[in-house]
N, C-alpha and C. Protein backbone atom coordinates (compact mmCIF):
# COMPACT_ATOMS: atom_id res chain seq x y z
N UNK A 1 57.44 35.66 126.63
CA UNK A 1 58.28 36.05 125.52
C UNK A 1 57.49 36.87 124.50
N UNK A 2 56.27 36.53 124.27
CA UNK A 2 55.41 37.28 123.35
C UNK A 2 55.20 38.70 123.85
N UNK A 3 55.08 38.83 125.17
CA UNK A 3 54.89 40.16 125.75
C UNK A 3 56.13 41.03 125.53
N UNK A 4 57.31 40.47 125.65
CA UNK A 4 58.53 41.25 125.44
C UNK A 4 58.67 41.67 123.98
N UNK A 5 58.24 40.81 123.08
CA UNK A 5 58.28 41.16 121.65
C UNK A 5 57.28 42.27 121.37
N UNK A 6 56.07 42.14 121.95
CA UNK A 6 55.05 43.17 121.75
C UNK A 6 55.51 44.49 122.35
N UNK A 7 56.21 44.43 123.47
CA UNK A 7 56.75 45.63 124.10
C UNK A 7 57.80 46.28 123.20
N UNK A 8 58.68 45.46 122.62
CA UNK A 8 59.69 45.98 121.68
C UNK A 8 59.03 46.61 120.46
N UNK A 9 57.99 45.96 119.95
CA UNK A 9 57.28 46.50 118.79
C UNK A 9 56.67 47.85 119.13
N UNK A 10 56.08 47.95 120.32
CA UNK A 10 55.48 49.21 120.76
C UNK A 10 56.54 50.30 120.87
N UNK A 11 57.69 49.94 121.43
CA UNK A 11 58.78 50.92 121.56
C UNK A 11 59.28 51.38 120.19
N UNK A 12 59.45 50.42 119.30
CA UNK A 12 59.93 50.75 117.94
C UNK A 12 58.89 51.58 117.19
N UNK A 13 57.62 51.27 117.38
CA UNK A 13 56.55 52.03 116.74
C UNK A 13 56.56 53.47 117.24
N UNK A 14 56.74 53.64 118.55
CA UNK A 14 56.81 54.99 119.13
C UNK A 14 58.02 55.74 118.60
N UNK A 15 59.16 55.05 118.54
CA UNK A 15 60.38 55.68 118.03
C UNK A 15 60.22 56.06 116.57
N UNK A 16 59.60 55.18 115.79
CA UNK A 16 59.36 55.45 114.37
C UNK A 16 58.45 56.66 114.21
N UNK A 17 57.41 56.74 115.03
CA UNK A 17 56.50 57.89 114.98
C UNK A 17 57.22 59.18 115.30
N UNK A 18 58.08 59.14 116.30
CA UNK A 18 58.86 60.33 116.67
C UNK A 18 59.78 60.75 115.52
N UNK A 19 60.46 59.77 114.92
CA UNK A 19 61.36 60.08 113.80
C UNK A 19 60.58 60.64 112.61
N UNK A 20 59.39 60.09 112.35
CA UNK A 20 58.58 60.59 111.24
C UNK A 20 58.14 62.03 111.49
N UNK A 21 57.78 62.34 112.73
CA UNK A 21 57.37 63.72 113.03
C UNK A 21 58.55 64.67 112.91
N UNK A 22 59.74 64.22 113.34
CA UNK A 22 60.93 65.05 113.19
C UNK A 22 61.28 65.24 111.71
N UNK A 23 61.14 64.17 110.93
CA UNK A 23 61.42 64.25 109.50
C UNK A 23 60.46 65.22 108.82
N UNK A 24 59.19 65.21 109.22
CA UNK A 24 58.22 66.12 108.60
C UNK A 24 58.54 67.58 108.92
N UNK A 25 59.20 67.83 110.05
CA UNK A 25 59.63 69.19 110.38
C UNK A 25 60.83 69.61 109.54
N UNK A 26 61.69 68.67 109.22
CA UNK A 26 62.92 68.97 108.49
C UNK A 26 62.70 69.03 106.98
N UNK A 27 61.75 68.26 106.45
CA UNK A 27 61.56 68.19 104.99
C UNK A 27 61.37 69.56 104.33
N UNK A 28 60.58 70.49 104.88
CA UNK A 28 60.48 71.81 104.24
C UNK A 28 61.82 72.55 104.23
N UNK A 29 62.62 72.36 105.25
CA UNK A 29 63.93 72.99 105.30
C UNK A 29 64.84 72.42 104.22
N UNK A 30 64.70 71.15 103.95
CA UNK A 30 65.51 70.51 102.90
C UNK A 30 65.20 71.16 101.55
N UNK A 31 63.92 71.39 101.29
CA UNK A 31 63.53 72.01 100.02
C UNK A 31 64.14 73.41 99.91
N UNK A 32 64.13 74.16 101.01
CA UNK A 32 64.72 75.51 101.00
C UNK A 32 66.23 75.44 100.76
N UNK A 33 66.89 74.50 101.41
CA UNK A 33 68.34 74.34 101.23
C UNK A 33 68.66 73.94 99.80
N UNK A 34 67.86 73.04 99.23
CA UNK A 34 68.09 72.62 97.84
C UNK A 34 67.88 73.80 96.89
N UNK A 35 66.86 74.63 97.15
CA UNK A 35 66.63 75.80 96.30
C UNK A 35 67.80 76.77 96.40
N UNK A 36 68.30 76.97 97.60
CA UNK A 36 69.47 77.85 97.79
C UNK A 36 70.69 77.27 97.09
N UNK A 37 70.87 75.96 97.21
CA UNK A 37 71.99 75.30 96.53
C UNK A 37 71.90 75.50 95.02
N UNK A 38 70.69 75.38 94.47
CA UNK A 38 70.51 75.57 93.03
C UNK A 38 70.88 76.99 92.61
N UNK A 39 70.51 77.96 93.45
CA UNK A 39 70.87 79.35 93.15
C UNK A 39 72.39 79.51 93.16
N UNK A 40 73.03 78.96 94.19
CA UNK A 40 74.49 79.06 94.27
C UNK A 40 75.16 78.32 93.12
N UNK A 41 74.63 77.16 92.73
CA UNK A 41 75.20 76.43 91.60
C UNK A 41 75.12 77.27 90.33
N UNK A 42 73.95 77.88 90.11
CA UNK A 42 73.79 78.72 88.92
C UNK A 42 74.74 79.90 88.93
N UNK A 43 74.86 80.54 90.08
CA UNK A 43 75.77 81.68 90.21
C UNK A 43 77.21 81.25 90.01
N UNK A 44 77.58 80.14 90.61
CA UNK A 44 78.95 79.63 90.47
C UNK A 44 79.26 79.32 89.00
N UNK A 45 78.32 78.66 88.32
CA UNK A 45 78.55 78.32 86.91
C UNK A 45 78.68 79.58 86.06
N UNK A 46 77.85 80.59 86.35
CA UNK A 46 77.94 81.84 85.62
C UNK A 46 79.29 82.51 85.85
N UNK A 47 79.72 82.54 87.11
CA UNK A 47 81.02 83.14 87.43
C UNK A 47 82.17 82.36 86.78
N UNK A 48 82.04 81.05 86.74
CA UNK A 48 83.08 80.23 86.09
C UNK A 48 83.16 80.56 84.60
N UNK A 49 81.99 80.72 83.95
CA UNK A 49 81.97 81.08 82.53
C UNK A 49 82.59 82.46 82.31
N UNK A 50 82.25 83.41 83.19
CA UNK A 50 82.81 84.76 83.07
C UNK A 50 84.32 84.73 83.27
N UNK A 51 84.78 83.93 84.24
CA UNK A 51 86.22 83.82 84.49
C UNK A 51 86.94 83.30 83.25
N UNK A 52 86.36 82.34 82.59
CA UNK A 52 86.96 81.79 81.37
C UNK A 52 87.07 82.89 80.30
N UNK A 53 86.01 83.68 80.14
CA UNK A 53 86.02 84.76 79.16
C UNK A 53 87.06 85.83 79.51
N UNK A 54 87.09 86.22 80.79
CA UNK A 54 88.04 87.24 81.22
C UNK A 54 89.47 86.76 81.02
N UNK A 55 89.73 85.51 81.38
CA UNK A 55 91.09 84.96 81.19
C UNK A 55 91.48 84.93 79.71
N UNK A 56 90.53 84.54 78.85
CA UNK A 56 90.82 84.50 77.42
C UNK A 56 91.07 85.91 76.88
N UNK A 57 90.25 86.87 77.32
CA UNK A 57 90.46 88.26 76.89
C UNK A 57 91.82 88.77 77.36
N UNK A 58 92.13 88.54 78.64
CA UNK A 58 93.40 89.02 79.19
C UNK A 58 94.58 88.38 78.47
N UNK A 59 94.46 87.10 78.18
CA UNK A 59 95.54 86.41 77.46
C UNK A 59 95.75 87.04 76.09
N UNK A 60 94.66 87.32 75.38
CA UNK A 60 94.78 87.92 74.05
C UNK A 60 95.35 89.33 74.14
N UNK A 61 94.94 90.08 75.14
CA UNK A 61 95.45 91.45 75.33
C UNK A 61 96.96 91.42 75.54
N UNK A 62 97.42 90.49 76.33
CA UNK A 62 98.86 90.40 76.64
C UNK A 62 99.65 89.85 75.45
N UNK A 63 99.16 88.78 74.83
CA UNK A 63 99.93 88.17 73.73
C UNK A 63 99.95 89.05 72.48
N UNK A 64 98.96 89.91 72.31
CA UNK A 64 98.93 90.81 71.15
C UNK A 64 99.81 92.04 71.33
N UNK A 65 100.25 92.28 72.54
CA UNK A 65 101.00 93.49 72.86
C UNK A 65 102.40 93.44 72.24
N UNK A 66 102.71 94.43 71.38
CA UNK A 66 104.04 94.44 70.75
C UNK A 66 105.15 94.74 71.76
N UNK A 67 106.35 94.34 71.40
CA UNK A 67 107.53 94.65 72.22
C UNK A 67 107.64 96.17 72.35
N UNK A 68 108.03 96.62 73.51
CA UNK A 68 108.22 98.04 73.74
C UNK A 68 107.03 98.72 74.38
N UNK A 69 105.85 98.14 74.24
CA UNK A 69 104.67 98.71 74.89
C UNK A 69 104.55 98.13 76.29
N UNK A 70 104.31 99.00 77.25
CA UNK A 70 104.08 98.56 78.64
C UNK A 70 102.62 98.79 78.97
N UNK A 71 101.94 97.72 79.35
CA UNK A 71 100.55 97.86 79.78
C UNK A 71 100.53 98.37 81.21
N UNK A 72 99.71 99.38 81.45
CA UNK A 72 99.61 99.94 82.80
C UNK A 72 98.29 99.59 83.47
N UNK A 73 97.34 99.09 82.70
CA UNK A 73 96.07 98.71 83.30
C UNK A 73 95.18 97.97 82.33
N UNK A 74 94.44 97.00 82.86
CA UNK A 74 93.41 96.30 82.10
C UNK A 74 92.21 96.18 83.03
N UNK A 75 91.12 96.82 82.65
CA UNK A 75 89.88 96.74 83.43
C UNK A 75 88.85 96.01 82.59
N UNK A 76 88.31 94.93 83.14
CA UNK A 76 87.33 94.13 82.42
C UNK A 76 85.99 94.25 83.12
N UNK A 77 84.98 94.69 82.38
CA UNK A 77 83.64 94.83 82.94
C UNK A 77 82.66 94.15 81.99
N UNK A 78 81.94 93.17 82.51
CA UNK A 78 80.96 92.38 81.77
C UNK A 78 81.55 91.91 80.45
N UNK A 79 81.21 92.56 79.33
CA UNK A 79 81.70 92.07 78.04
C UNK A 79 82.56 93.11 77.31
N UNK A 80 83.21 93.96 78.08
CA UNK A 80 84.12 94.93 77.46
C UNK A 80 85.34 95.12 78.36
N UNK A 81 86.37 95.70 77.78
CA UNK A 81 87.60 95.92 78.54
C UNK A 81 88.19 97.28 78.16
N UNK A 82 88.88 97.85 79.12
CA UNK A 82 89.65 99.07 78.89
C UNK A 82 91.11 98.72 79.12
N UNK A 83 91.94 99.04 78.13
CA UNK A 83 93.37 98.74 78.21
C UNK A 83 94.12 100.06 78.16
N UNK A 84 95.04 100.25 79.08
CA UNK A 84 95.87 101.45 79.05
C UNK A 84 97.34 101.05 79.10
N UNK A 85 98.16 101.93 78.54
CA UNK A 85 99.58 101.61 78.52
C UNK A 85 100.42 102.77 78.05
N UNK A 86 101.71 102.48 77.91
CA UNK A 86 102.69 103.46 77.46
C UNK A 86 103.46 102.84 76.30
N UNK A 87 103.62 103.63 75.25
CA UNK A 87 104.31 103.16 74.05
C UNK A 87 105.41 104.14 73.67
N UNK A 88 106.50 103.63 73.10
CA UNK A 88 107.56 104.55 72.66
C UNK A 88 107.16 105.34 71.41
N UNK A 89 106.23 104.78 70.60
CA UNK A 89 105.83 105.46 69.36
C UNK A 89 104.32 105.36 69.16
N UNK A 90 103.79 106.31 68.40
CA UNK A 90 102.37 106.24 68.02
C UNK A 90 102.14 105.03 67.12
N UNK A 91 103.08 104.77 66.25
CA UNK A 91 102.96 103.65 65.32
C UNK A 91 102.71 102.33 66.07
N UNK A 92 103.43 102.11 67.15
CA UNK A 92 103.25 100.87 67.93
C UNK A 92 101.84 100.76 68.49
N UNK A 93 101.25 101.89 68.84
CA UNK A 93 99.88 101.88 69.36
C UNK A 93 98.92 101.40 68.28
N UNK A 94 99.09 101.90 67.06
CA UNK A 94 98.22 101.48 65.96
C UNK A 94 98.45 100.02 65.59
N UNK A 95 99.70 99.58 65.64
CA UNK A 95 100.00 98.17 65.39
C UNK A 95 99.29 97.29 66.42
N UNK A 96 99.34 97.70 67.67
CA UNK A 96 98.68 96.96 68.75
C UNK A 96 97.17 96.92 68.54
N UNK A 97 96.58 98.05 68.20
CA UNK A 97 95.13 98.10 67.97
C UNK A 97 94.74 97.18 66.82
N UNK A 98 95.50 97.20 65.73
CA UNK A 98 95.20 96.31 64.59
C UNK A 98 95.36 94.85 64.98
N UNK A 99 96.36 94.55 65.78
CA UNK A 99 96.60 93.17 66.23
C UNK A 99 95.43 92.67 67.09
N UNK A 100 94.94 93.51 67.97
CA UNK A 100 93.79 93.13 68.80
C UNK A 100 92.56 92.89 67.93
N UNK A 101 92.34 93.76 66.97
CA UNK A 101 91.17 93.61 66.08
C UNK A 101 91.31 92.36 65.22
N UNK A 102 92.50 92.09 64.72
CA UNK A 102 92.73 90.93 63.85
C UNK A 102 92.63 89.61 64.62
N UNK A 103 92.76 89.67 65.93
CA UNK A 103 92.71 88.43 66.73
C UNK A 103 91.35 87.75 66.66
N UNK A 104 90.31 88.51 66.32
CA UNK A 104 88.97 87.94 66.29
C UNK A 104 88.32 87.89 67.67
N UNK A 105 89.06 88.19 68.67
CA UNK A 105 88.54 88.15 70.05
C UNK A 105 87.69 89.38 70.35
N UNK A 106 88.01 90.49 69.72
CA UNK A 106 87.33 91.76 70.00
C UNK A 106 86.76 92.32 68.70
N UNK A 107 85.45 92.52 68.65
CA UNK A 107 84.84 93.06 67.44
C UNK A 107 85.03 94.57 67.34
N UNK A 108 85.26 95.19 68.48
CA UNK A 108 85.45 96.63 68.52
C UNK A 108 86.74 96.96 69.24
N UNK A 109 87.58 97.74 68.59
CA UNK A 109 88.80 98.26 69.23
C UNK A 109 88.80 99.77 68.97
N UNK A 110 88.54 100.52 70.02
CA UNK A 110 88.48 101.98 69.90
C UNK A 110 89.67 102.57 70.65
N UNK A 111 90.44 103.38 69.94
CA UNK A 111 91.53 104.11 70.60
C UNK A 111 90.88 105.35 71.20
N UNK A 112 90.67 105.34 72.50
CA UNK A 112 89.96 106.45 73.14
C UNK A 112 90.87 107.62 73.47
N UNK A 113 92.17 107.35 73.61
CA UNK A 113 93.08 108.48 73.83
C UNK A 113 94.52 108.09 73.53
N UNK A 114 95.24 109.07 73.03
CA UNK A 114 96.70 108.99 72.88
C UNK A 114 97.23 110.34 73.33
N UNK A 115 98.12 110.33 74.30
CA UNK A 115 98.69 111.58 74.80
C UNK A 115 100.21 111.46 74.83
N UNK A 116 100.85 112.48 74.31
CA UNK A 116 102.32 112.51 74.30
C UNK A 116 102.85 112.70 75.71
N UNK A 117 103.94 112.00 75.99
CA UNK A 117 104.66 112.18 77.26
C UNK A 117 105.87 113.04 76.93
N UNK A 118 105.95 114.17 77.58
CA UNK A 118 107.06 115.09 77.29
C UNK A 118 107.96 115.23 78.51
N UNK A 119 109.24 115.24 78.24
CA UNK A 119 110.24 115.52 79.27
C UNK A 119 111.19 116.57 78.71
N UNK A 120 111.24 117.68 79.39
CA UNK A 120 112.10 118.80 78.96
C UNK A 120 111.81 119.22 77.53
N UNK A 121 110.49 119.26 77.20
CA UNK A 121 110.08 119.71 75.87
C UNK A 121 110.23 118.69 74.77
N UNK A 122 110.66 117.48 75.10
CA UNK A 122 110.87 116.44 74.09
C UNK A 122 109.89 115.29 74.34
N UNK A 123 109.27 114.80 73.26
CA UNK A 123 108.34 113.67 73.37
C UNK A 123 109.15 112.40 73.58
N UNK A 124 108.87 111.72 74.71
CA UNK A 124 109.61 110.49 75.04
C UNK A 124 108.76 109.24 74.91
N UNK A 125 107.49 109.42 74.67
CA UNK A 125 106.59 108.28 74.53
C UNK A 125 105.15 108.75 74.49
N UNK A 126 104.25 107.77 74.52
CA UNK A 126 102.83 108.09 74.42
C UNK A 126 102.03 107.20 75.37
N UNK A 127 101.12 107.83 76.10
CA UNK A 127 100.16 107.07 76.90
C UNK A 127 98.93 106.85 76.03
N UNK A 128 98.32 105.69 76.15
CA UNK A 128 97.15 105.39 75.33
C UNK A 128 96.11 104.64 76.14
N UNK A 129 94.90 104.64 75.59
CA UNK A 129 93.82 103.86 76.18
C UNK A 129 92.95 103.31 75.05
N UNK A 130 92.62 102.03 75.14
CA UNK A 130 91.73 101.36 74.19
C UNK A 130 90.46 100.95 74.92
N UNK A 131 89.37 100.95 74.18
CA UNK A 131 88.13 100.33 74.63
C UNK A 131 87.89 99.13 73.73
N UNK A 132 87.72 97.96 74.32
CA UNK A 132 87.56 96.73 73.55
C UNK A 132 86.16 96.17 73.75
N UNK A 133 85.53 95.79 72.63
CA UNK A 133 84.21 95.18 72.68
C UNK A 133 84.32 93.69 72.44
N UNK A 134 83.24 92.95 72.71
CA UNK A 134 83.27 91.48 72.63
C UNK A 134 83.37 90.98 71.20
N UNK A 135 83.76 89.70 71.10
CA UNK A 135 83.78 89.07 69.78
C UNK A 135 82.35 88.93 69.29
N UNK A 136 82.17 88.91 67.99
CA UNK A 136 80.82 88.81 67.42
C UNK A 136 80.39 87.38 67.31
C-alpha cells in the first residue's frame, strides 16, 4: 500500500511539474494580454467620454435651433463642430447663433457663410454655416 501511495505521489509530482512548466510558458502571454486590455480599456474610456461630449453638443445644436430653420449637416471633429442649414430669413440665422453662444456650450460661434437662395430672381431663403468651438 505504501508503494501505491508513493507511486501516486510520483505521478502527481510529475503532473505538477508539467503544469508548472506550461504555466511558465503562458505567464508572459498573460502580461501581454493584460497590457493590450489596458490599452483597449483606455481607448474605450476615451471614446465613451468623446461620445458624451458629441451627444451633448448635438443636443444643444438641435434644441437651440429656432423654428423654421432646417439643419442640413452637423460635422463634429475633436472639440469643434460645423453646422450647416437653411433659414427663411437672415434674422433667424443671427438668432440661432446668439442662442448657441448663450447656451454656454460653445465659447466660439462663427458664422462662416450666409448665402441667399434665389428662385426666379427672388430670395426664398438663406444657406448658412457656423463653426462652433468648445465651452471654456
